[in-house]
Full PDB file with SEQRES, HELIX, SHEET, SSBOND, CRYST1, ORIGX, SCALE, CONECT and MASTER records, all heavy atoms in Angstrom:
SEQRES   1 A   41  TYR GLU GLU GLN ALA ARG ALA GLY ASN ALA LYS ALA GLN          
SEQRES   2 A   41  PHE LEU LEU GLY LEU SER HIS GLU GLN GLY LEU ARG GLY          
SEQRES   3 A   41  ALA GLU PRO ASP ALA THR GLU ALA ALA ARG TRP TYR ARG          
SEQRES   4 A   41  LYS ALA                                                      
HELIX    1 AA1 GLU A    2  ARG A    6  1                                   5    
HELIX    2 AA2 ALA A   10  GLN A   22  1                                  13    
HELIX    3 AA3 ALA A   31  LYS A   40  1                                  10    
CRYST1    1.000    1.000    1.000  90.00  90.00  90.00 P 1           1          
ORIGX1      1.000000  0.000000  0.000000        0.00000                         
ORIGX2      0.000000  1.000000  0.000000        0.00000                         
ORIGX3      0.000000  0.000000  1.000000        0.00000                         
SCALE1      1.000000  0.000000  0.000000        0.00000                         
SCALE2      0.000000  1.000000  0.000000        0.00000                         
SCALE3      0.000000  0.000000  1.000000        0.00000                         
ATOM      1  N   TYR A   1      77.845  57.400  16.650  1.00  0.00           N  
ATOM      2  CA  TYR A   1      77.923  56.230  15.778  1.00  0.00           C  
ATOM      3  C   TYR A   1      76.818  55.230  16.085  1.00  0.00           C  
ATOM      4  O   TYR A   1      76.252  54.622  15.186  1.00  0.00           O  
ATOM      5  CB  TYR A   1      79.287  55.569  15.903  1.00  0.00           C  
ATOM      6  CG  TYR A   1      80.393  56.303  15.142  1.00  0.00           C  
ATOM      7  CD1 TYR A   1      81.456  56.820  15.836  1.00  0.00           C  
ATOM      8  CD2 TYR A   1      80.305  56.494  13.785  1.00  0.00           C  
ATOM      9  CE1 TYR A   1      82.467  57.515  15.159  1.00  0.00           C  
ATOM     10  CE2 TYR A   1      81.314  57.201  13.088  1.00  0.00           C  
ATOM     11  CZ  TYR A   1      82.371  57.690  13.793  1.00  0.00           C  
ATOM     12  OH  TYR A   1      83.321  58.389  13.112  1.00  0.00           O  
ATOM     13  N   GLU A   2      76.501  55.071  17.371  1.00  0.00           N  
ATOM     14  CA  GLU A   2      75.404  54.156  17.725  1.00  0.00           C  
ATOM     15  C   GLU A   2      74.070  54.656  17.190  1.00  0.00           C  
ATOM     16  O   GLU A   2      73.264  53.835  16.674  1.00  0.00           O  
ATOM     17  CB  GLU A   2      75.345  54.005  19.239  1.00  0.00           C  
ATOM     18  CG  GLU A   2      76.498  53.185  19.824  1.00  0.00           C  
ATOM     19  CD  GLU A   2      76.426  53.063  21.341  1.00  0.00           C  
ATOM     20  OE1 GLU A   2      75.445  53.562  21.900  1.00  0.00           O  
ATOM     21  OE2 GLU A   2      77.348  52.479  21.916  1.00  0.00           O  
ATOM     22  N   GLU A   3      73.843  55.933  17.256  1.00  0.00           N  
ATOM     23  CA  GLU A   3      72.602  56.499  16.688  1.00  0.00           C  
ATOM     24  C   GLU A   3      72.536  56.225  15.176  1.00  0.00           C  
ATOM     25  O   GLU A   3      71.483  55.841  14.657  1.00  0.00           O  
ATOM     26  CB  GLU A   3      72.518  57.990  16.994  1.00  0.00           C  
ATOM     27  CG  GLU A   3      72.256  58.315  18.452  1.00  0.00           C  
ATOM     28  CD  GLU A   3      72.420  59.797  18.722  1.00  0.00           C  
ATOM     29  OE1 GLU A   3      72.673  60.580  17.747  1.00  0.00           O  
ATOM     30  OE2 GLU A   3      72.292  60.218  19.891  1.00  0.00           O  
ATOM     31  N   GLN A   4      73.626  56.471  14.488  1.00  0.00           N  
ATOM     32  CA  GLN A   4      73.668  56.244  13.065  1.00  0.00           C  
ATOM     33  C   GLN A   4      73.462  54.745  12.739  1.00  0.00           C  
ATOM     34  O   GLN A   4      72.749  54.414  11.807  1.00  0.00           O  
ATOM     35  CB  GLN A   4      75.016  56.690  12.488  1.00  0.00           C  
ATOM     36  CG  GLN A   4      75.230  58.202  12.523  1.00  0.00           C  
ATOM     37  CD  GLN A   4      74.351  58.951  11.563  1.00  0.00           C  
ATOM     38  OE1 GLN A   4      74.375  58.665  10.362  1.00  0.00           O  
ATOM     39  NE2 GLN A   4      73.586  59.901  12.052  1.00  0.00           N  
ATOM     40  N   ALA A   5      74.104  53.894  13.530  1.00  0.00           N  
ATOM     41  CA  ALA A   5      73.977  52.469  13.284  1.00  0.00           C  
ATOM     42  C   ALA A   5      72.541  51.989  13.507  1.00  0.00           C  
ATOM     43  O   ALA A   5      72.003  51.227  12.680  1.00  0.00           O  
ATOM     44  CB  ALA A   5      74.934  51.688  14.216  1.00  0.00           C  
ATOM     45  N   ARG A   6      71.930  52.449  14.592  1.00  0.00           N  
ATOM     46  CA  ARG A   6      70.534  52.049  14.862  1.00  0.00           C  
ATOM     47  C   ARG A   6      69.576  52.622  13.834  1.00  0.00           C  
ATOM     48  O   ARG A   6      68.497  52.048  13.625  1.00  0.00           O  
ATOM     49  CB  ARG A   6      70.158  52.463  16.273  1.00  0.00           C  
ATOM     50  CG  ARG A   6      70.897  51.609  17.329  1.00  0.00           C  
ATOM     51  CD  ARG A   6      70.313  51.780  18.727  1.00  0.00           C  
ATOM     52  NE  ARG A   6      70.868  50.790  19.631  1.00  0.00           N  
ATOM     53  CZ  ARG A   6      72.004  50.928  20.270  1.00  0.00           C  
ATOM     54  NH1 ARG A   6      72.726  52.025  20.147  1.00  0.00           N  
ATOM     55  NH2 ARG A   6      72.457  49.952  21.073  1.00  0.00           N  
ATOM     56  N   ALA A   7      69.956  53.758  13.217  1.00  0.00           N  
ATOM     57  CA  ALA A   7      69.093  54.297  12.168  1.00  0.00           C  
ATOM     58  C   ALA A   7      69.257  53.585  10.848  1.00  0.00           C  
ATOM     59  O   ALA A   7      68.544  53.866   9.899  1.00  0.00           O  
ATOM     60  CB  ALA A   7      69.441  55.790  12.000  1.00  0.00           C  
ATOM     61  N   GLY A   8      70.218  52.616  10.784  1.00  0.00           N  
ATOM     62  CA  GLY A   8      70.340  51.787   9.594  1.00  0.00           C  
ATOM     63  C   GLY A   8      71.530  52.101   8.689  1.00  0.00           C  
ATOM     64  O   GLY A   8      71.610  51.529   7.593  1.00  0.00           O  
ATOM     65  N   ASN A   9      72.454  52.923   9.151  1.00  0.00           N  
ATOM     66  CA  ASN A   9      73.612  53.247   8.318  1.00  0.00           C  
ATOM     67  C   ASN A   9      74.608  52.078   8.383  1.00  0.00           C  
ATOM     68  O   ASN A   9      75.157  51.766   9.424  1.00  0.00           O  
ATOM     69  CB  ASN A   9      74.282  54.532   8.801  1.00  0.00           C  
ATOM     70  CG  ASN A   9      75.391  54.979   7.862  1.00  0.00           C  
ATOM     71  OD1 ASN A   9      76.348  54.315   7.666  1.00  0.00           O  
ATOM     72  ND2 ASN A   9      75.187  56.166   7.311  1.00  0.00           N  
ATOM     73  N   ALA A  10      74.809  51.434   7.219  1.00  0.00           N  
ATOM     74  CA  ALA A  10      75.636  50.208   7.207  1.00  0.00           C  
ATOM     75  C   ALA A  10      77.070  50.482   7.600  1.00  0.00           C  
ATOM     76  O   ALA A  10      77.690  49.667   8.314  1.00  0.00           O  
ATOM     77  CB  ALA A  10      75.577  49.564   5.818  1.00  0.00           C  
ATOM     78  N   LYS A  11      77.658  51.595   7.158  1.00  0.00           N  
ATOM     79  CA  LYS A  11      79.039  51.883   7.516  1.00  0.00           C  
ATOM     80  C   LYS A  11      79.189  52.124   9.014  1.00  0.00           C  
ATOM     81  O   LYS A  11      80.162  51.743   9.641  1.00  0.00           O  
ATOM     82  CB  LYS A  11      79.567  53.064   6.706  1.00  0.00           C  
ATOM     83  CG  LYS A  11      79.844  52.730   5.243  1.00  0.00           C  
ATOM     84  CD  LYS A  11      80.521  53.877   4.558  1.00  0.00           C  
ATOM     85  CE  LYS A  11      80.898  53.513   3.126  1.00  0.00           C  
ATOM     86  NZ  LYS A  11      81.587  54.612   2.411  1.00  0.00           N  
ATOM     87  N   ALA A  12      78.187  52.794   9.602  1.00  0.00           N  
ATOM     88  CA  ALA A  12      78.226  53.010  11.040  1.00  0.00           C  
ATOM     89  C   ALA A  12      78.078  51.680  11.788  1.00  0.00           C  
ATOM     90  O   ALA A  12      78.720  51.452  12.812  1.00  0.00           O  
ATOM     91  CB  ALA A  12      77.115  53.964  11.456  1.00  0.00           C  
ATOM     92  N   GLN A  13      77.244  50.790  11.273  1.00  0.00           N  
ATOM     93  CA  GLN A  13      77.089  49.487  11.889  1.00  0.00           C  
ATOM     94  C   GLN A  13      78.412  48.693  11.861  1.00  0.00           C  
ATOM     95  O   GLN A  13      78.795  48.070  12.833  1.00  0.00           O  
ATOM     96  CB  GLN A  13      75.985  48.712  11.172  1.00  0.00           C  
ATOM     97  CG  GLN A  13      74.593  49.251  11.405  1.00  0.00           C  
ATOM     98  CD  GLN A  13      73.556  48.704  10.472  1.00  0.00           C  
ATOM     99  OE1 GLN A  13      73.879  48.087   9.440  1.00  0.00           O  
ATOM    100  NE2 GLN A  13      72.301  48.892  10.801  1.00  0.00           N  
ATOM    101  N   PHE A  14      79.086  48.778  10.725  1.00  0.00           N  
ATOM    102  CA  PHE A  14      80.393  48.145  10.582  1.00  0.00           C  
ATOM    103  C   PHE A  14      81.378  48.709  11.576  1.00  0.00           C  
ATOM    104  O   PHE A  14      82.097  47.970  12.284  1.00  0.00           O  
ATOM    105  CB  PHE A  14      80.904  48.288   9.143  1.00  0.00           C  
ATOM    106  CG  PHE A  14      82.319  47.860   8.960  1.00  0.00           C  
ATOM    107  CD1 PHE A  14      82.646  46.499   9.080  1.00  0.00           C  
ATOM    108  CD2 PHE A  14      83.323  48.735   8.636  1.00  0.00           C  
ATOM    109  CE1 PHE A  14      83.935  46.075   8.889  1.00  0.00           C  
ATOM    110  CE2 PHE A  14      84.627  48.343   8.457  1.00  0.00           C  
ATOM    111  CZ  PHE A  14      84.947  46.986   8.564  1.00  0.00           C  
ATOM    112  N   LEU A  15      81.471  50.021  11.682  1.00  0.00           N  
ATOM    113  CA  LEU A  15      82.403  50.658  12.600  1.00  0.00           C  
ATOM    114  C   LEU A  15      82.062  50.326  14.038  1.00  0.00           C  
ATOM    115  O   LEU A  15      82.929  50.123  14.878  1.00  0.00           O  
ATOM    116  CB  LEU A  15      82.418  52.167  12.379  1.00  0.00           C  
ATOM    117  CG  LEU A  15      83.500  52.912  13.156  1.00  0.00           C  
ATOM    118  CD1 LEU A  15      84.870  52.439  12.799  1.00  0.00           C  
ATOM    119  CD2 LEU A  15      83.363  54.416  12.950  1.00  0.00           C  
ATOM    120  N   LEU A  16      80.764  50.265  14.347  1.00  0.00           N  
ATOM    121  CA  LEU A  16      80.375  49.899  15.713  1.00  0.00           C  
ATOM    122  C   LEU A  16      80.789  48.476  16.016  1.00  0.00           C  
ATOM    123  O   LEU A  16      81.231  48.130  17.108  1.00  0.00           O  
ATOM    124  CB  LEU A  16      78.846  50.081  15.853  1.00  0.00           C  
ATOM    125  CG  LEU A  16      78.288  50.032  17.289  1.00  0.00           C  
ATOM    126  CD1 LEU A  16      78.954  51.063  18.168  1.00  0.00           C  
ATOM    127  CD2 LEU A  16      76.767  50.275  17.262  1.00  0.00           C  
ATOM    128  N   GLY A  17      80.658  47.575  14.997  1.00  0.00           N  
ATOM    129  CA  GLY A  17      81.152  46.211  15.177  1.00  0.00           C  
ATOM    130  C   GLY A  17      82.651  46.176  15.469  1.00  0.00           C  
ATOM    131  O   GLY A  17      83.110  45.468  16.348  1.00  0.00           O  
ATOM    132  N   LEU A  18      83.413  46.993  14.729  1.00  0.00           N  
ATOM    133  CA  LEU A  18      84.835  47.064  14.964  1.00  0.00           C  
ATOM    134  C   LEU A  18      85.143  47.542  16.382  1.00  0.00           C  
ATOM    135  O   LEU A  18      86.047  47.031  17.054  1.00  0.00           O  
ATOM    136  CB  LEU A  18      85.517  48.025  13.992  1.00  0.00           C  
ATOM    137  CG  LEU A  18      85.762  47.519  12.559  1.00  0.00           C  
ATOM    138  CD1 LEU A  18      86.309  48.662  11.705  1.00  0.00           C  
ATOM    139  CD2 LEU A  18      86.707  46.344  12.524  1.00  0.00           C  
ATOM    140  N   SER A  19      84.404  48.538  16.853  1.00  0.00           N  
ATOM    141  CA  SER A  19      84.630  49.072  18.194  1.00  0.00           C  
ATOM    142  C   SER A  19      84.361  48.019  19.257  1.00  0.00           C  
ATOM    143  O   SER A  19      85.064  47.943  20.254  1.00  0.00           O  
ATOM    144  CB  SER A  19      83.788  50.317  18.433  1.00  0.00           C  
ATOM    145  OG  SER A  19      82.447  50.005  18.631  1.00  0.00           O  
ATOM    146  N   HIS A  20      83.331  47.216  19.064  1.00  0.00           N  
ATOM    147  CA  HIS A  20      83.039  46.112  19.994  1.00  0.00           C  
ATOM    148  C   HIS A  20      84.143  45.047  19.908  1.00  0.00           C  
ATOM    149  O   HIS A  20      84.570  44.539  20.936  1.00  0.00           O  
ATOM    150  CB  HIS A  20      81.700  45.484  19.675  1.00  0.00           C  
ATOM    151  CG  HIS A  20      80.523  46.244  20.249  1.00  0.00           C  
ATOM    152  ND1 HIS A  20      80.280  46.351  21.606  1.00  0.00           N  
ATOM    153  CD2 HIS A  20      79.528  46.941  19.626  1.00  0.00           C  
ATOM    154  CE1 HIS A  20      79.186  47.064  21.803  1.00  0.00           C  
ATOM    155  NE2 HIS A  20      78.712  47.434  20.616  1.00  0.00           N  
ATOM    156  N   GLU A  21      84.548  44.738  18.688  1.00  0.00           N  
ATOM    157  CA  GLU A  21      85.563  43.666  18.547  1.00  0.00           C  
ATOM    158  C   GLU A  21      86.886  44.040  19.209  1.00  0.00           C  
ATOM    159  O   GLU A  21      87.560  43.216  19.827  1.00  0.00           O  
ATOM    160  CB  GLU A  21      85.792  43.407  17.057  1.00  0.00           C  
ATOM    161  CG  GLU A  21      86.842  42.335  16.799  1.00  0.00           C  
ATOM    162  CD  GLU A  21      87.089  42.103  15.312  1.00  0.00           C  
ATOM    163  OE1 GLU A  21      86.408  42.718  14.485  1.00  0.00           O  
ATOM    164  OE2 GLU A  21      88.005  41.309  14.996  1.00  0.00           O  
ATOM    165  N   GLN A  22      87.265  45.332  19.115  1.00  0.00           N  
ATOM    166  CA  GLN A  22      88.547  45.758  19.590  1.00  0.00           C  
ATOM    167  C   GLN A  22      88.515  46.417  20.970  1.00  0.00           C  
ATOM    168  O   GLN A  22      89.530  46.877  21.493  1.00  0.00           O  
ATOM    169  CB  GLN A  22      89.181  46.711  18.553  1.00  0.00           C  
ATOM    170  CG  GLN A  22      89.410  46.019  17.233  1.00  0.00           C  
ATOM    171  CD  GLN A  22      90.212  46.853  16.264  1.00  0.00           C  
ATOM    172  OE1 GLN A  22      90.875  47.830  16.673  1.00  0.00           O  
ATOM    173  NE2 GLN A  22      90.187  46.509  14.999  1.00  0.00           N  
ATOM    174  N   GLY A  23      87.332  46.465  21.557  1.00  0.00           N  
ATOM    175  CA  GLY A  23      87.223  46.999  22.908  1.00  0.00           C  
ATOM    176  C   GLY A  23      87.495  48.491  22.985  1.00  0.00           C  
ATOM    177  O   GLY A  23      88.182  48.981  23.891  1.00  0.00           O  
ATOM    178  N   LEU A  24      86.918  49.253  22.070  1.00  0.00           N  
ATOM    179  CA  LEU A  24      87.136  50.718  22.030  1.00  0.00           C  
ATOM    180  C   LEU A  24      86.020  51.483  22.733  1.00  0.00           C  
ATOM    181  O   LEU A  24      85.843  52.677  22.506  1.00  0.00           O  
ATOM    182  CB  LEU A  24      87.282  51.176  20.587  1.00  0.00           C  
ATOM    183  CG  LEU A  24      88.407  50.541  19.780  1.00  0.00           C  
ATOM    184  CD1 LEU A  24      88.442  51.143  18.383  1.00  0.00           C  
ATOM    185  CD2 LEU A  24      89.740  50.761  20.466  1.00  0.00           C  
ATOM    186  N   ARG A  25      85.258  50.811  23.545  1.00  0.00           N  
ATOM    187  CA  ARG A  25      84.088  51.436  24.156  1.00  0.00           C  
ATOM    188  C   ARG A  25      84.250  51.586  25.666  1.00  0.00           C  
ATOM    189  O   ARG A  25      83.283  51.708  26.410  1.00  0.00           O  
ATOM    190  CB  ARG A  25      82.840  50.618  23.844  1.00  0.00           C  
ATOM    191  CG  ARG A  25      82.577  50.416  22.353  1.00  0.00           C  
ATOM    192  CD  ARG A  25      81.517  49.344  22.095  1.00  0.00           C  
ATOM    193  NE  ARG A  25      80.331  49.568  22.872  1.00  0.00           N  
ATOM    194  CZ  ARG A  25      79.410  50.466  22.540  1.00  0.00           C  
ATOM    195  NH1 ARG A  25      79.587  51.219  21.491  1.00  0.00           N  
ATOM    196  NH2 ARG A  25      78.359  50.620  23.274  1.00  0.00           N  
ATOM    197  N   GLY A  26      85.493  51.592  26.137  1.00  0.00           N  
ATOM    198  CA  GLY A  26      85.693  51.681  27.581  1.00  0.00           C  
ATOM    199  C   GLY A  26      85.328  50.394  28.293  1.00  0.00           C  
ATOM    200  O   GLY A  26      85.067  50.425  29.512  1.00  0.00           O  
ATOM    201  N   ALA A  27      85.249  49.299  27.566  1.00  0.00           N  
ATOM    202  CA  ALA A  27      84.906  47.993  28.162  1.00  0.00           C  
ATOM    203  C   ALA A  27      85.720  46.919  27.430  1.00  0.00           C  
ATOM    204  O   ALA A  27      86.432  47.193  26.469  1.00  0.00           O  
ATOM    205  CB  ALA A  27      83.403  47.734  27.995  1.00  0.00           C  
ATOM    206  N   GLU A  28      85.583  45.709  27.942  1.00  0.00           N  
ATOM    207  CA  GLU A  28      86.277  44.584  27.315  1.00  0.00           C  
ATOM    208  C   GLU A  28      85.696  44.337  25.907  1.00  0.00           C  
ATOM    209  O   GLU A  28      84.530  44.637  25.673  1.00  0.00           O  
ATOM    210  CB  GLU A  28      86.126  43.333  28.161  1.00  0.00           C  
ATOM    211  CG  GLU A  28      86.902  43.371  29.487  1.00  0.00           C  
ATOM    212  CD  GLU A  28      88.379  43.466  29.285  1.00  0.00           C  
ATOM    213  OE1 GLU A  28      88.929  42.689  28.457  1.00  0.00           O  
ATOM    214  OE2 GLU A  28      89.013  44.357  29.924  1.00  0.00           O  
ATOM    215  N   PRO A  29      86.503  43.807  25.016  1.00  0.00           N  
ATOM    216  CA  PRO A  29      85.980  43.412  23.687  1.00  0.00           C  
ATOM    217  C   PRO A  29      84.734  42.500  23.832  1.00  0.00           C  
ATOM    218  O   PRO A  29      84.693  41.675  24.739  1.00  0.00           O  
ATOM    219  CB  PRO A  29      87.143  42.681  23.037  1.00  0.00           C  
ATOM    220  CG  PRO A  29      88.364  43.249  23.679  1.00  0.00           C  
ATOM    221  CD  PRO A  29      87.945  43.508  25.118  1.00  0.00           C  
ATOM    222  N   ASP A  30      83.802  42.680  22.968  1.00  0.00           N  
ATOM    223  CA  ASP A  30      82.560  41.907  22.996  1.00  0.00           C  
ATOM    224  C   ASP A  30      82.337  41.291  21.610  1.00  0.00           C  
ATOM    225  O   ASP A  30      81.775  41.949  20.713  1.00  0.00           O  
ATOM    226  CB  ASP A  30      81.400  42.806  23.399  1.00  0.00           C  
ATOM    227  CG  ASP A  30      80.121  42.044  23.702  1.00  0.00           C  
ATOM    228  OD1 ASP A  30      79.940  40.953  23.104  1.00  0.00           O  
ATOM    229  OD2 ASP A  30      79.277  42.541  24.450  1.00  0.00           O  
ATOM    230  N   ALA A  31      82.762  40.069  21.436  1.00  0.00           N  
ATOM    231  CA  ALA A  31      82.683  39.412  20.107  1.00  0.00           C  
ATOM    232  C   ALA A  31      81.230  39.197  19.705  1.00  0.00           C  
ATOM    233  O   ALA A  31      80.911  39.242  18.485  1.00  0.00           O  
ATOM    234  CB  ALA A  31      83.446  38.103  20.137  1.00  0.00           C  
ATOM    235  N   THR A  32      80.352  38.971  20.649  1.00  0.00           N  
ATOM    236  CA  THR A  32      78.950  38.714  20.339  1.00  0.00           C  
ATOM    237  C   THR A  32      78.312  39.959  19.743  1.00  0.00           C  
ATOM    238  O   THR A  32      77.604  39.918  18.716  1.00  0.00           O  
ATOM    239  CB  THR A  32      78.162  38.232  21.574  1.00  0.00           C  
ATOM    240  OG1 THR A  32      78.742  37.026  22.071  1.00  0.00           O  
ATOM    241  CG2 THR A  32      76.705  38.001  21.249  1.00  0.00           C  
ATOM    242  N   GLU A  33      78.514  41.106  20.399  1.00  0.00           N  
ATOM    243  CA  GLU A  33      77.975  42.353  19.882  1.00  0.00           C  
ATOM    244  C   GLU A  33      78.601  42.725  18.567  1.00  0.00           C  
ATOM    245  O   GLU A  33      77.942  43.245  17.650  1.00  0.00           O  
ATOM    246  CB  GLU A  33      78.174  43.474  20.885  1.00  0.00           C  
ATOM    247  CG  GLU A  33      77.088  43.576  21.931  1.00  0.00           C  
ATOM    248  CD  GLU A  33      75.736  43.922  21.331  1.00  0.00           C  
ATOM    249  OE1 GLU A  33      75.535  45.063  20.926  1.00  0.00           O  
ATOM    250  OE2 GLU A  33      74.882  43.013  21.242  1.00  0.00           O  
ATOM    251  N   ALA A  34      79.918  42.447  18.424  1.00  0.00           N  
ATOM    252  CA  ALA A  34      80.585  42.754  17.164  1.00  0.00           C  
ATOM    253  C   ALA A  34      79.953  41.966  16.043  1.00  0.00           C  
ATOM    254  O   ALA A  34      79.635  42.539  14.963  1.00  0.00           O  
ATOM    255  CB  ALA A  34      82.080  42.385  17.300  1.00  0.00           C  
ATOM    256  N   ALA A  35      79.710  40.692  16.260  1.00  0.00           N  
ATOM    257  CA  ALA A  35      79.112  39.875  15.214  1.00  0.00           C  
ATOM    258  C   ALA A  35      77.714  40.319  14.885  1.00  0.00           C  
ATOM    259  O   ALA A  35      77.293  40.286  13.706  1.00  0.00           O  
ATOM    260  CB  ALA A  35      79.087  38.403  15.640  1.00  0.00           C  
ATOM    261  N   ARG A  36      76.968  40.737  15.895  1.00  0.00           N  
ATOM    262  CA  ARG A  36      75.617  41.211  15.663  1.00  0.00           C  
ATOM    263  C   ARG A  36      75.599  42.442  14.745  1.00  0.00           C  
ATOM    264  O   ARG A  36      74.800  42.507  13.810  1.00  0.00           O  
ATOM    265  CB  ARG A  36      74.935  41.577  16.989  1.00  0.00           C  
ATOM    266  CG  ARG A  36      73.463  41.984  16.881  1.00  0.00           C  
ATOM    267  CD  ARG A  36      72.840  42.073  18.247  1.00  0.00           C  
ATOM    268  NE  ARG A  36      73.188  43.310  18.920  1.00  0.00           N  
ATOM    269  CZ  ARG A  36      72.547  44.472  18.786  1.00  0.00           C  
ATOM    270  NH1 ARG A  36      71.483  44.563  17.953  1.00  0.00           N  
ATOM    271  NH2 ARG A  36      72.887  45.546  19.458  1.00  0.00           N  
ATOM    272  N   TRP A  37      76.506  43.387  14.982  1.00  0.00           N  
ATOM    273  CA  TRP A  37      76.544  44.572  14.138  1.00  0.00           C  
ATOM    274  C   TRP A  37      77.134  44.295  12.752  1.00  0.00           C  
ATOM    275  O   TRP A  37      76.689  44.864  11.745  1.00  0.00           O  
ATOM    276  CB  TRP A  37      77.296  45.708  14.836  1.00  0.00           C  
ATOM    277  CG  TRP A  37      76.502  46.316  15.942  1.00  0.00           C  
ATOM    278  CD1 TRP A  37      76.734  46.203  17.280  1.00  0.00           C  
ATOM    279  CD2 TRP A  37      75.335  47.106  15.800  1.00  0.00           C  
ATOM    280  NE1 TRP A  37      75.741  46.874  17.977  1.00  0.00           N  
ATOM    281  CE2 TRP A  37      74.886  47.447  17.099  1.00  0.00           C  
ATOM    282  CE3 TRP A  37      74.597  47.571  14.717  1.00  0.00           C  
ATOM    283  CZ2 TRP A  37      73.759  48.225  17.315  1.00  0.00           C  
ATOM    284  CZ3 TRP A  37      73.467  48.363  14.925  1.00  0.00           C  
ATOM    285  CH2 TRP A  37      73.059  48.679  16.226  1.00  0.00           C  
ATOM    286  N   TYR A  38      78.091  43.381  12.707  1.00  0.00           N  
ATOM    287  CA  TYR A  38      78.640  42.993  11.402  1.00  0.00           C  
ATOM    288  C   TYR A  38      77.509  42.377  10.534  1.00  0.00           C  
ATOM    289  O   TYR A  38      77.409  42.655   9.328  1.00  0.00           O  
ATOM    290  CB  TYR A  38      79.751  41.965  11.553  1.00  0.00           C  
ATOM    291  CG  TYR A  38      81.036  42.544  12.071  1.00  0.00           C  
ATOM    292  CD1 TYR A  38      81.876  41.760  12.868  1.00  0.00           C  
ATOM    293  CD2 TYR A  38      81.446  43.851  11.763  1.00  0.00           C  
ATOM    294  CE1 TYR A  38      83.108  42.273  13.358  1.00  0.00           C  
ATOM    295  CE2 TYR A  38      82.653  44.363  12.267  1.00  0.00           C  
ATOM    296  CZ  TYR A  38      83.453  43.574  13.058  1.00  0.00           C  
ATOM    297  OH  TYR A  38      84.646  44.047  13.529  1.00  0.00           O  
ATOM    298  N   ARG A  39      76.674  41.572  11.168  1.00  0.00           N  
ATOM    299  CA  ARG A  39      75.595  40.933  10.399  1.00  0.00           C  
ATOM    300  C   ARG A  39      74.624  41.970   9.838  1.00  0.00           C  
ATOM    301  O   ARG A  39      74.178  41.867   8.685  1.00  0.00           O  
ATOM    302  CB  ARG A  39      74.853  39.918  11.275  1.00  0.00           C  
ATOM    303  CG  ARG A  39      73.778  39.145  10.497  1.00  0.00           C  
ATOM    304  CD  ARG A  39      73.078  38.125  11.361  1.00  0.00           C  
ATOM    305  NE  ARG A  39      73.915  37.056  11.781  1.00  0.00           N  
ATOM    306  CZ  ARG A  39      74.229  35.981  11.040  1.00  0.00           C  
ATOM    307  NH1 ARG A  39      73.726  35.859   9.826  1.00  0.00           N  
ATOM    308  NH2 ARG A  39      74.999  35.036  11.513  1.00  0.00           N  
ATOM    309  N   LYS A  40      74.313  42.975  10.669  1.00  0.00           N  
ATOM    310  CA  LYS A  40      73.366  44.002  10.197  1.00  0.00           C  
ATOM    311  C   LYS A  40      73.944  44.737   8.957  1.00  0.00           C  
ATOM    312  O   LYS A  40      73.247  44.983   7.987  1.00  0.00           O  
ATOM    313  CB  LYS A  40      73.096  44.988  11.328  1.00  0.00           C  
ATOM    314  CG  LYS A  40      72.170  44.438  12.417  1.00  0.00           C  
ATOM    315  CD  LYS A  40      71.906  45.491  13.473  1.00  0.00           C  
ATOM    316  CE  LYS A  40      70.969  44.955  14.584  1.00  0.00           C  
ATOM    317  NZ  LYS A  40      69.649  44.682  14.081  1.00  0.00           N  
ATOM    318  N   ALA A  41      75.243  45.055   9.043  1.00  0.00           N  
ATOM    319  CA  ALA A  41      75.883  45.758   7.918  1.00  0.00           C  
ATOM    320  C   ALA A  41      76.035  44.812   6.727  1.00  0.00           C  
ATOM    321  O   ALA A  41      75.859  45.193   5.563  1.00  0.00           O  
ATOM    322  CB  ALA A  41      77.225  46.311   8.345  1.00  0.00           C  
TER     323      ALA A  41                                                      
MASTER        0    0    0    3    0    0    0    6  322    1    0    4          
END                                                                             
């Protein structure tokens, strides 16, 4: 998903934002990264 998002796929960027917002990456939620990917999408 990160590869797709960095390649410019808007839906992947949105999903990556969701994963950051909800902490689905094996780490604490990251609202800053979530907002960054939401903006790109």
